[in-house]
Structures are given as C-alpha cells and as structure tokens.
N, C-alpha and C. Protein backbone atom coordinates (compact mmCIF):
# COMPACT_ATOMS: atom_id res chain seq x y z
N UNK A 1 108.03 54.95 80.16
CA UNK A 1 106.75 55.43 79.80
C UNK A 1 106.86 56.72 78.99
N UNK A 2 107.78 57.53 79.35
CA UNK A 2 107.96 58.77 78.62
C UNK A 2 108.44 58.46 77.21
N UNK A 3 109.31 57.51 77.09
CA UNK A 3 109.79 57.15 75.76
C UNK A 3 108.67 56.56 74.93
N UNK A 4 107.75 55.85 75.54
CA UNK A 4 106.61 55.28 74.84
C UNK A 4 105.67 56.35 74.32
N UNK A 5 105.44 57.36 75.15
CA UNK A 5 104.56 58.44 74.71
C UNK A 5 105.24 59.29 73.64
N UNK A 6 106.56 59.46 73.76
CA UNK A 6 107.29 60.23 72.75
C UNK A 6 107.27 59.49 71.42
N UNK A 7 107.49 58.19 71.48
CA UNK A 7 107.48 57.42 70.23
C UNK A 7 106.07 57.38 69.65
N UNK A 8 105.05 57.34 70.48
CA UNK A 8 103.66 57.36 69.99
C UNK A 8 103.36 58.70 69.36
N UNK A 9 103.84 59.78 70.01
CA UNK A 9 103.64 61.12 69.44
C UNK A 9 104.36 61.24 68.11
N UNK A 10 105.57 60.76 68.07
CA UNK A 10 106.35 60.82 66.84
C UNK A 10 105.66 60.03 65.73
N UNK A 11 105.16 58.87 66.11
CA UNK A 11 104.45 58.03 65.13
C UNK A 11 103.19 58.71 64.63
N UNK A 12 102.45 59.34 65.53
CA UNK A 12 101.22 60.03 65.11
C UNK A 12 101.55 61.25 64.25
N UNK A 13 102.65 61.95 64.58
CA UNK A 13 103.06 63.10 63.76
C UNK A 13 103.52 62.63 62.37
N UNK A 14 104.24 61.51 62.35
CA UNK A 14 104.69 60.96 61.07
C UNK A 14 103.48 60.56 60.23
N UNK A 15 102.51 59.95 60.87
CA UNK A 15 101.29 59.53 60.17
C UNK A 15 100.52 60.75 59.64
N UNK A 16 100.42 61.80 60.46
CA UNK A 16 99.73 63.02 60.05
C UNK A 16 100.45 63.67 58.87
N UNK A 17 101.80 63.66 58.91
CA UNK A 17 102.57 64.23 57.81
C UNK A 17 102.34 63.42 56.52
N UNK A 18 102.31 62.09 56.64
CA UNK A 18 102.06 61.24 55.47
C UNK A 18 100.68 61.51 54.88
N UNK A 19 99.69 61.65 55.75
CA UNK A 19 98.32 61.94 55.29
C UNK A 19 98.28 63.29 54.59
N UNK A 20 98.94 64.28 55.19
CA UNK A 20 98.98 65.62 54.60
C UNK A 20 99.68 65.59 53.24
N UNK A 21 100.82 64.89 53.15
CA UNK A 21 101.55 64.79 51.88
C UNK A 21 100.73 64.04 50.82
N UNK A 22 100.02 62.99 51.24
CA UNK A 22 99.18 62.24 50.31
C UNK A 22 98.05 63.13 49.78
N UNK A 23 97.47 63.94 50.68
CA UNK A 23 96.39 64.85 50.27
C UNK A 23 96.92 65.90 49.29
N UNK A 24 98.11 66.45 49.57
CA UNK A 24 98.71 67.43 48.66
C UNK A 24 99.01 66.80 47.30
N UNK A 25 99.53 65.57 47.35
CA UNK A 25 99.84 64.86 46.11
C UNK A 25 98.57 64.63 45.28
N UNK A 26 97.50 64.21 45.95
CA UNK A 26 96.23 63.99 45.24
C UNK A 26 95.69 65.30 44.67
N UNK A 27 95.83 66.38 45.44
CA UNK A 27 95.36 67.69 44.98
C UNK A 27 96.16 68.14 43.76
N UNK A 28 97.48 67.94 43.80
CA UNK A 28 98.32 68.30 42.65
C UNK A 28 97.96 67.46 41.42
N UNK A 29 97.67 66.19 41.62
CA UNK A 29 97.27 65.33 40.50
C UNK A 29 95.96 65.81 39.89
N UNK A 30 94.98 66.17 40.74
CA UNK A 30 93.71 66.68 40.22
C UNK A 30 93.93 67.99 39.45
N UNK A 31 94.77 68.87 40.01
CA UNK A 31 95.07 70.14 39.34
C UNK A 31 95.73 69.87 37.98
N UNK A 32 96.68 68.95 37.95
CA UNK A 32 97.36 68.59 36.71
C UNK A 32 96.37 68.04 35.69
N UNK A 33 95.47 67.19 36.14
CA UNK A 33 94.46 66.62 35.23
C UNK A 33 93.55 67.71 34.66
N UNK A 34 93.16 68.69 35.51
CA UNK A 34 92.32 69.79 35.03
C UNK A 34 93.05 70.60 33.97
N UNK A 35 94.33 70.90 34.22
CA UNK A 35 95.12 71.66 33.25
C UNK A 35 95.23 70.89 31.94
N UNK A 36 95.53 69.60 32.03
CA UNK A 36 95.63 68.76 30.82
C UNK A 36 94.31 68.73 30.07
N UNK A 37 93.22 68.67 30.80
CA UNK A 37 91.90 68.65 30.18
C UNK A 37 91.63 69.97 29.45
N UNK A 38 91.98 71.09 30.07
CA UNK A 38 91.80 72.39 29.43
C UNK A 38 92.65 72.52 28.17
N UNK A 39 93.90 72.07 28.26
CA UNK A 39 94.79 72.14 27.10
C UNK A 39 94.25 71.28 25.96
N UNK A 40 93.79 70.09 26.29
CA UNK A 40 93.23 69.19 25.27
C UNK A 40 92.00 69.81 24.62
N UNK A 41 91.15 70.42 25.44
CA UNK A 41 89.95 71.07 24.90
C UNK A 41 90.33 72.25 24.00
N UNK A 42 91.31 73.03 24.42
CA UNK A 42 91.76 74.17 23.61
C UNK A 42 92.32 73.69 22.27
N UNK A 43 93.11 72.62 22.31
CA UNK A 43 93.67 72.07 21.07
C UNK A 43 92.55 71.58 20.15
N UNK A 44 91.55 70.95 20.73
CA UNK A 44 90.42 70.47 19.93
C UNK A 44 89.67 71.64 19.29
N UNK A 45 89.45 72.71 20.08
CA UNK A 45 88.78 73.90 19.54
C UNK A 45 89.59 74.53 18.41
N UNK A 46 90.91 74.64 18.62
CA UNK A 46 91.77 75.20 17.57
C UNK A 46 91.74 74.35 16.31
N UNK A 47 91.75 73.03 16.49
CA UNK A 47 91.71 72.13 15.34
C UNK A 47 90.39 72.28 14.59
N UNK A 48 89.27 72.36 15.32
CA UNK A 48 87.97 72.54 14.68
C UNK A 48 87.89 73.88 13.96
N UNK A 49 88.43 74.92 14.59
CA UNK A 49 88.43 76.24 13.96
C UNK A 49 89.27 76.24 12.68
N UNK A 50 90.41 75.58 12.71
CA UNK A 50 91.26 75.48 11.52
C UNK A 50 90.54 74.70 10.42
N UNK A 51 89.82 73.65 10.79
CA UNK A 51 89.07 72.88 9.80
C UNK A 51 87.96 73.73 9.18
N UNK A 52 87.26 74.51 10.02
CA UNK A 52 86.21 75.40 9.50
C UNK A 52 86.80 76.43 8.55
N UNK A 53 87.93 77.02 8.94
CA UNK A 53 88.57 78.02 8.08
C UNK A 53 89.00 77.38 6.75
N UNK A 54 89.53 76.18 6.80
CA UNK A 54 89.95 75.49 5.57
C UNK A 54 88.75 75.18 4.69
N UNK A 55 87.63 74.76 5.30
CA UNK A 55 86.42 74.48 4.52
C UNK A 55 85.90 75.75 3.86
N UNK A 56 85.92 76.87 4.60
CA UNK A 56 85.47 78.14 4.02
C UNK A 56 86.36 78.54 2.85
N UNK A 57 87.67 78.38 3.03
CA UNK A 57 88.60 78.71 1.96
C UNK A 57 88.38 77.80 0.75
N UNK A 58 88.18 76.52 1.00
CA UNK A 58 87.91 75.58 -0.09
C UNK A 58 86.63 75.94 -0.83
N UNK A 59 85.62 76.34 -0.07
CA UNK A 59 84.35 76.73 -0.69
C UNK A 59 84.52 77.98 -1.55
N UNK A 60 85.29 78.95 -1.05
CA UNK A 60 85.54 80.16 -1.84
C UNK A 60 86.31 79.83 -3.11
N UNK A 61 87.33 78.99 -2.99
CA UNK A 61 88.11 78.60 -4.17
C UNK A 61 87.24 77.84 -5.16
N UNK A 62 86.40 76.95 -4.66
CA UNK A 62 85.51 76.20 -5.55
C UNK A 62 84.55 77.14 -6.27
N UNK A 63 84.08 78.16 -5.56
CA UNK A 63 83.17 79.12 -6.17
C UNK A 63 83.88 79.90 -7.28
N UNK A 64 85.11 80.32 -7.01
CA UNK A 64 85.88 81.05 -8.02
C UNK A 64 86.16 80.15 -9.22
N UNK A 65 86.59 78.92 -8.96
CA UNK A 65 86.93 78.01 -10.05
C UNK A 65 85.70 77.58 -10.83
N UNK A 66 84.54 77.55 -10.18
CA UNK A 66 83.33 77.15 -10.90
C UNK A 66 82.88 78.24 -11.87
N UNK A 67 83.28 79.49 -11.64
CA UNK A 67 82.88 80.57 -12.53
C UNK A 67 83.90 80.83 -13.63
N UNK A 68 85.01 80.15 -13.60
CA UNK A 68 86.01 80.33 -14.66
C UNK A 68 86.13 79.07 -15.48
N UNK A 69 86.53 79.25 -16.72
CA UNK A 69 86.72 78.12 -17.61
C UNK A 69 88.21 77.93 -17.81
N UNK A 70 88.67 76.73 -17.64
CA UNK A 70 90.09 76.45 -17.83
C UNK A 70 90.38 76.38 -19.33
N UNK A 71 91.50 76.97 -19.79
CA UNK A 71 91.82 76.92 -21.22
C UNK A 71 92.13 75.49 -21.66
N UNK A 72 91.62 75.14 -22.82
CA UNK A 72 91.90 73.81 -23.36
C UNK A 72 92.94 73.94 -24.47
N UNK A 73 93.58 72.87 -24.79
CA UNK A 73 94.65 72.90 -25.78
C UNK A 73 94.17 73.12 -27.19
N UNK A 74 92.96 72.69 -27.55
CA UNK A 74 92.52 72.77 -28.93
C UNK A 74 91.77 74.06 -29.26
N UNK A 75 91.38 74.84 -28.29
CA UNK A 75 90.67 76.08 -28.59
C UNK A 75 91.61 77.27 -28.45
N UNK A 76 91.55 78.15 -29.44
CA UNK A 76 92.43 79.32 -29.44
C UNK A 76 91.90 80.38 -28.50
N UNK A 77 90.62 80.69 -28.62
CA UNK A 77 90.02 81.70 -27.74
C UNK A 77 89.09 81.00 -26.77
N UNK A 78 89.31 81.23 -25.51
CA UNK A 78 88.45 80.64 -24.48
C UNK A 78 87.90 81.76 -23.62
N UNK A 79 86.74 81.53 -23.08
CA UNK A 79 86.14 82.51 -22.20
C UNK A 79 86.87 82.52 -20.87
N UNK A 80 87.11 83.72 -20.36
CA UNK A 80 87.75 83.83 -19.05
C UNK A 80 86.75 83.53 -17.95
N UNK A 81 85.52 83.91 -18.18
CA UNK A 81 84.55 83.73 -17.11
C UNK A 81 83.16 83.65 -17.71
N UNK A 82 82.24 83.10 -16.96
CA UNK A 82 80.85 83.04 -17.40
C UNK A 82 80.01 84.12 -16.73
N UNK A 83 80.65 85.02 -16.04
CA UNK A 83 79.91 86.09 -15.38
C UNK A 83 79.35 87.05 -16.42
N UNK A 84 78.19 87.62 -16.16
CA UNK A 84 77.56 88.53 -17.13
C UNK A 84 78.45 89.72 -17.50
N UNK A 85 79.21 90.24 -16.55
CA UNK A 85 80.06 91.39 -16.84
C UNK A 85 81.06 91.06 -17.93
N UNK A 86 81.71 89.89 -17.84
CA UNK A 86 82.70 89.50 -18.83
C UNK A 86 82.04 89.16 -20.16
N UNK A 87 80.86 88.57 -20.11
CA UNK A 87 80.15 88.27 -21.36
C UNK A 87 79.80 89.56 -22.08
N UNK A 88 79.41 90.60 -21.32
CA UNK A 88 79.10 91.90 -21.93
C UNK A 88 80.36 92.50 -22.55
N UNK A 89 81.50 92.38 -21.87
CA UNK A 89 82.74 92.89 -22.45
C UNK A 89 83.07 92.20 -23.76
N UNK A 90 82.87 90.89 -23.81
CA UNK A 90 83.16 90.14 -25.03
C UNK A 90 82.23 90.58 -26.15
N UNK A 91 80.94 90.76 -25.85
CA UNK A 91 80.00 91.23 -26.87
C UNK A 91 80.37 92.62 -27.36
N UNK A 92 80.74 93.52 -26.43
CA UNK A 92 81.14 94.87 -26.81
C UNK A 92 82.37 94.84 -27.70
N UNK A 93 83.32 93.98 -27.37
CA UNK A 93 84.54 93.87 -28.17
C UNK A 93 84.21 93.40 -29.59
N UNK A 94 83.33 92.39 -29.68
CA UNK A 94 82.94 91.89 -31.00
C UNK A 94 82.23 92.97 -31.80
N UNK A 95 81.37 93.74 -31.12
CA UNK A 95 80.65 94.82 -31.81
C UNK A 95 81.62 95.89 -32.30
N UNK A 96 82.62 96.21 -31.50
CA UNK A 96 83.61 97.22 -31.90
C UNK A 96 84.42 96.71 -33.09
N UNK A 97 84.79 95.45 -33.07
CA UNK A 97 85.58 94.90 -34.16
C UNK A 97 84.79 94.83 -35.47
N UNK A 98 83.46 94.75 -35.39
CA UNK A 98 82.63 94.72 -36.59
C UNK A 98 82.37 96.11 -37.15
N UNK A 99 82.65 97.17 -36.38
CA UNK A 99 82.39 98.54 -36.81
C UNK A 99 83.30 98.91 -37.98
N UNK A 100 82.79 99.74 -38.88
CA UNK A 100 83.68 100.27 -39.93
C UNK A 100 84.71 101.21 -39.30
N UNK A 101 85.83 101.37 -39.98
CA UNK A 101 86.94 102.18 -39.48
C UNK A 101 86.51 103.63 -39.24
N UNK A 102 85.72 104.18 -40.13
CA UNK A 102 85.30 105.58 -39.99
C UNK A 102 84.44 105.77 -38.74
N UNK A 103 83.59 104.79 -38.45
CA UNK A 103 82.75 104.88 -37.25
C UNK A 103 83.60 104.76 -35.99
N UNK A 104 84.65 103.94 -36.03
CA UNK A 104 85.56 103.82 -34.88
C UNK A 104 86.25 105.15 -34.61
N UNK A 105 86.69 105.82 -35.67
CA UNK A 105 87.36 107.11 -35.50
C UNK A 105 86.37 108.11 -34.92
N UNK A 106 85.13 108.09 -35.43
CA UNK A 106 84.11 109.01 -34.96
C UNK A 106 83.81 108.79 -33.48
N UNK A 107 83.72 107.55 -33.06
CA UNK A 107 83.41 107.22 -31.65
C UNK A 107 84.62 107.44 -30.74
N UNK A 108 85.78 107.67 -31.31
CA UNK A 108 86.98 107.86 -30.49
C UNK A 108 87.63 106.57 -30.07
N UNK A 109 87.24 105.47 -30.70
CA UNK A 109 87.80 104.18 -30.33
C UNK A 109 89.13 103.93 -31.04
N UNK A 110 89.38 104.66 -32.10
CA UNK A 110 90.60 104.45 -32.87
C UNK A 110 91.33 105.78 -32.96
N UNK A 111 92.56 105.81 -32.60
CA UNK A 111 93.35 107.03 -32.60
C UNK A 111 94.35 106.93 -33.75
N UNK A 112 94.16 107.76 -34.78
CA UNK A 112 95.05 107.70 -35.95
C UNK A 112 96.47 108.12 -35.60
N UNK A 113 96.63 109.02 -34.66
CA UNK A 113 97.99 109.42 -34.26
C UNK A 113 98.77 108.24 -33.71
N UNK A 114 98.10 107.39 -32.93
CA UNK A 114 98.76 106.21 -32.39
C UNK A 114 99.15 105.25 -33.51
N UNK A 115 98.32 105.16 -34.54
CA UNK A 115 98.65 104.28 -35.67
C UNK A 115 99.89 104.80 -36.38
N UNK A 116 99.98 106.12 -36.56
CA UNK A 116 101.15 106.69 -37.24
C UNK A 116 102.41 106.54 -36.40
N UNK A 117 102.29 106.70 -35.07
CA UNK A 117 103.46 106.61 -34.20
C UNK A 117 103.97 105.19 -34.06
N UNK A 118 103.06 104.26 -33.91
CA UNK A 118 103.43 102.88 -33.61
C UNK A 118 102.92 101.95 -34.71
N UNK A 119 103.61 101.87 -35.82
CA UNK A 119 103.13 101.00 -36.90
C UNK A 119 103.27 99.53 -36.53
N UNK A 120 102.28 98.79 -36.92
CA UNK A 120 102.33 97.34 -36.75
C UNK A 120 102.03 96.71 -38.09
N UNK A 121 102.12 95.42 -38.17
CA UNK A 121 101.85 94.75 -39.45
C UNK A 121 100.40 94.88 -39.85
N UNK A 122 99.50 95.09 -38.89
CA UNK A 122 98.08 95.20 -39.23
C UNK A 122 97.72 96.58 -39.75
N UNK A 123 98.48 97.62 -39.43
CA UNK A 123 98.11 98.95 -39.90
C UNK A 123 99.12 99.52 -40.89
N UNK A 124 100.01 98.74 -41.43
CA UNK A 124 100.98 99.23 -42.41
C UNK A 124 100.26 99.69 -43.68
N UNK A 125 99.23 98.94 -44.09
CA UNK A 125 98.47 99.34 -45.27
C UNK A 125 97.79 100.67 -45.06
N UNK A 126 97.30 100.91 -43.87
CA UNK A 126 96.64 102.18 -43.54
C UNK A 126 97.65 103.30 -43.63
N UNK A 127 98.86 103.09 -43.13
CA UNK A 127 99.88 104.14 -43.17
C UNK A 127 100.25 104.47 -44.60
N UNK A 128 100.42 103.48 -45.45
CA UNK A 128 100.80 103.73 -46.84
C UNK A 128 99.69 104.48 -47.56
N UNK A 129 98.44 104.13 -47.26
CA UNK A 129 97.32 104.79 -47.92
C UNK A 129 97.20 106.23 -47.46
N UNK A 130 97.48 106.53 -46.21
CA UNK A 130 97.34 107.88 -45.67
C UNK A 130 98.51 108.76 -46.09
N UNK A 131 99.70 108.18 -46.25
CA UNK A 131 100.88 108.97 -46.60
C UNK A 131 100.79 109.33 -48.03
C-alpha cells in the first residue's frame, strides 16, 4: 500500500511537472509571437518611412528638373533655368552687351587695365588702337 501511494504521488508530481512545463512552453511561444509581431511591425514602419522619404526626394528632384532645361545638341545657347531671377540675369547680360564701349567704361563694367594686362583675340584691336 505504501508503494501504491508513493507511485501515485510520483505520478501526480510527474503530471504536475508536465502541466507546468507545458504552460511555460505555451507562455514562451506567446512571448516569441509577440516579439516577432513587434519586429514585423517595426520593419513595416521603417519600410513605409523609407518609401515616404524616397517619394519626397523624387518630388524634390522632379521640381528641380522641371525648372531647368536640358541642353539640346542643335542649340548653341540654352537657358539654364526658367526662373525669373535667371531670366533677369540673361536680359541684363544682353543689355550690357548692347551698350557702347564708352558707356561700359563709364558704368565700371569694363576695366581697361584688365584688357591691357590680359589680351585676348577679341580685344587685340582695342590694344593696337590705344597703343
């Protein structure tokens, strides 16, 4: 009888240990699933954030490229940009180039000393006339 009760106790302890181990195993599985779920969610958020950043960058590049004109092979002078600031610079440059030489000197746009120091093919006639 004592051996029967001991074996019954042992069996009940073994059963309790199995139940406890099964519960721990299930708890660990749930914990693992939660961690995996968090990691998956974090990866998804990072992927979405990277996509948003790429879209913003693409939009900025498209905006920059839409305001510039690509040079073509058949045109010698092409506009760098359609922005008003650059258009004003181009108009100012054209106006300066149309000015008579004396007016350029008066406005300080043309430095005769620089012409004398650094002769080029365009100002050689000026140097000969001045010398």
